[in-house]
C-alpha atoms as a PDB file:
ATOM      1  CA  UNK A   1     -13.643 -39.776  28.102  1.00  0.00           C
ATOM      2  CA  UNK A   2     -11.829 -42.369  30.057  1.00  0.00           C
ATOM      3  CA  UNK A   3     -12.352 -45.040  32.574  1.00  0.00           C
ATOM      4  CA  UNK A   4     -10.959 -44.686  36.291  1.00  0.00           C
ATOM      5  CA  UNK A   5     -10.242 -47.447  38.580  1.00  0.00           C
ATOM      6  CA  UNK A   6     -11.195 -46.403  41.995  1.00  0.00           C
ATOM      7  CA  UNK A   7     -11.787 -48.377  45.413  1.00  0.00           C
ATOM      8  CA  UNK A   8     -15.127 -49.536  46.524  1.00  0.00           C
ATOM      9  CA  UNK A   9     -15.154 -47.256  49.421  1.00  0.00           C
ATOM     10  CA  UNK A  10     -14.454 -44.242  47.228  1.00  0.00           C
ATOM     11  CA  UNK A  11     -17.052 -45.420  44.674  1.00  0.00           C
ATOM     12  CA  UNK A  12     -19.376 -45.663  47.896  1.00  0.00           C
ATOM     13  CA  UNK A  13     -18.449 -42.351  48.913  1.00  0.00           C
ATOM     14  CA  UNK A  14     -19.246 -40.833  45.416  1.00  0.00           C
ATOM     15  CA  UNK A  15     -22.477 -42.776  45.389  1.00  0.00           C
ATOM     16  CA  UNK A  16     -23.751 -41.493  48.699  1.00  0.00           C
ATOM     17  CA  UNK A  17     -22.446 -37.741  48.344  1.00  0.00           C
ATOM     18  CA  UNK A  18     -23.840 -37.491  44.664  1.00  0.00           C
ATOM     19  CA  UNK A  19     -27.228 -38.325  45.963  1.00  0.00           C
ATOM     20  CA  UNK A  20     -27.228 -35.892  48.808  1.00  0.00           C
ATOM     21  CA  UNK A  21     -25.944 -33.176  46.506  1.00  0.00           C
ATOM     22  CA  UNK A  22     -28.294 -33.902  43.597  1.00  0.00           C
ATOM     23  CA  UNK A  23     -25.440 -34.661  41.002  1.00  0.00           C
ATOM     24  CA  UNK A  24     -24.837 -37.818  39.084  1.00  0.00           C
ATOM     25  CA  UNK A  25     -21.697 -39.963  40.192  1.00  0.00           C
ATOM     26  CA  UNK A  26     -19.615 -38.804  37.349  1.00  0.00           C
ATOM     27  CA  UNK A  27     -20.569 -35.062  38.022  1.00  0.00           C
ATOM     28  CA  UNK A  28     -19.519 -35.434  41.944  1.00  0.00           C
ATOM     29  CA  UNK A  29     -16.193 -37.109  40.767  1.00  0.00           C
ATOM     30  CA  UNK A  30     -15.297 -34.440  38.433  1.00  0.00           C
ATOM     31  CA  UNK A  31     -16.107 -31.831  41.085  1.00  0.00           C
ATOM     32  CA  UNK A  32     -13.687 -33.622  43.367  1.00  0.00           C
ATOM     33  CA  UNK A  33     -11.395 -33.572  40.825  1.00  0.00           C
ATOM     34  CA  UNK A  34     -11.296 -29.988  40.171  1.00  0.00           C
ATOM     35  CA  UNK A  35     -11.257 -28.957  43.598  1.00  0.00           C
ATOM     36  CA  UNK A  36      -8.459 -31.196  44.207  1.00  0.00           C
ATOM     37  CA  UNK A  37      -6.525 -29.915  41.279  1.00  0.00           C
ATOM     38  CA  UNK A  38      -6.890 -26.261  42.446  1.00  0.00           C
ATOM     39  CA  UNK A  39      -5.737 -27.180  45.951  1.00  0.00           C
ATOM     40  CA  UNK A  40      -2.774 -28.752  45.273  1.00  0.00           C
ATOM     41  CA  UNK A  41      -1.894 -26.041  42.680  1.00  0.00           C
ATOM     42  CA  UNK A  42      -2.952 -23.051  44.959  1.00  0.00           C
ATOM     43  CA  UNK A  43      -2.431 -24.442  48.610  1.00  0.00           C
ATOM     44  CA  UNK A  44      -3.273 -20.903  50.031  1.00  0.00           C
ATOM     45  CA  UNK A  45      -6.774 -20.761  48.942  1.00  0.00           C
ATOM     46  CA  UNK A  46      -9.562 -21.992  51.052  1.00  0.00           C
ATOM     47  CA  UNK A  47     -12.311 -24.348  50.038  1.00  0.00           C
ATOM     48  CA  UNK A  48     -14.758 -21.638  49.524  1.00  0.00           C
ATOM     49  CA  UNK A  49     -12.210 -19.643  47.464  1.00  0.00           C
ATOM     50  CA  UNK A  50     -11.724 -22.811  45.298  1.00  0.00           C
ATOM     51  CA  UNK A  51     -15.687 -23.166  44.741  1.00  0.00           C
ATOM     52  CA  UNK A  52     -15.693 -19.179  43.967  1.00  0.00           C
ATOM     53  CA  UNK A  53     -13.067 -19.859  41.201  1.00  0.00           C
ATOM     54  CA  UNK A  54     -15.151 -22.597  39.677  1.00  0.00           C
ATOM     55  CA  UNK A  55     -18.188 -20.649  39.842  1.00  0.00           C
ATOM     56  CA  UNK A  56     -16.440 -17.642  38.211  1.00  0.00           C
ATOM     57  CA  UNK A  57     -15.045 -20.098  35.343  1.00  0.00           C
ATOM     58  CA  UNK A  58     -18.692 -21.490  34.700  1.00  0.00           C
ATOM     59  CA  UNK A  59     -19.955 -18.000  34.591  1.00  0.00           C
ATOM     60  CA  UNK A  60     -17.338 -16.646  32.236  1.00  0.00           C
ATOM     61  CA  UNK A  61     -17.756 -19.537  29.983  1.00  0.00           C
ATOM     62  CA  UNK A  62     -14.186 -21.022  30.437  1.00  0.00           C
ATOM     63  CA  UNK A  63     -14.016 -24.450  28.752  1.00  0.00           C
ATOM     64  CA  UNK A  64     -10.992 -25.052  30.912  1.00  0.00           C
ATOM     65  CA  UNK A  65     -11.121 -25.576  34.539  1.00  0.00           C
ATOM     66  CA  UNK A  66      -8.922 -22.868  36.191  1.00  0.00           C
ATOM     67  CA  UNK A  67      -6.933 -25.462  37.723  1.00  0.00           C
ATOM     68  CA  UNK A  68      -4.554 -25.556  34.432  1.00  0.00           C
ATOM     69  CA  UNK A  69      -2.148 -23.279  36.035  1.00  0.00           C
ATOM     70  CA  UNK A  70      -1.942 -21.514  39.655  1.00  0.00           C
ATOM     71  CA  UNK A  71      -4.112 -18.638  40.314  1.00  0.00           C
ATOM     72  CA  UNK A  72      -2.474 -15.423  40.830  1.00  0.00           C
ATOM     73  CA  UNK A  73      -2.785 -14.453  44.510  1.00  0.00           C
ATOM     74  CA  UNK A  74      -5.031 -11.278  45.423  1.00  0.00           C
ATOM     75  CA  UNK A  75      -3.080  -8.049  46.039  1.00  0.00           C
ATOM     76  CA  UNK A  76      -3.000  -7.285  49.426  1.00  0.00           C
ATOM     77  CA  UNK A  77      -5.036  -4.198  50.328  1.00  0.00           C
END
């Protein structure tokens, strides 16, 4: 575990959002980090698709976020 230095404004955003979503400040920051990593690695995925990937990773017991490498694009039907 490490220490991150963030702006006061970002910390306030984390504080208010974490309260609204019933998460700790650290859990909210980690959620935003995961979503951001997946978004950068998979720019064609929507926010909803990214959240589905995170849920699937949690349900399958993956210890590492699927953000470690780009997700294969689904085949067109």
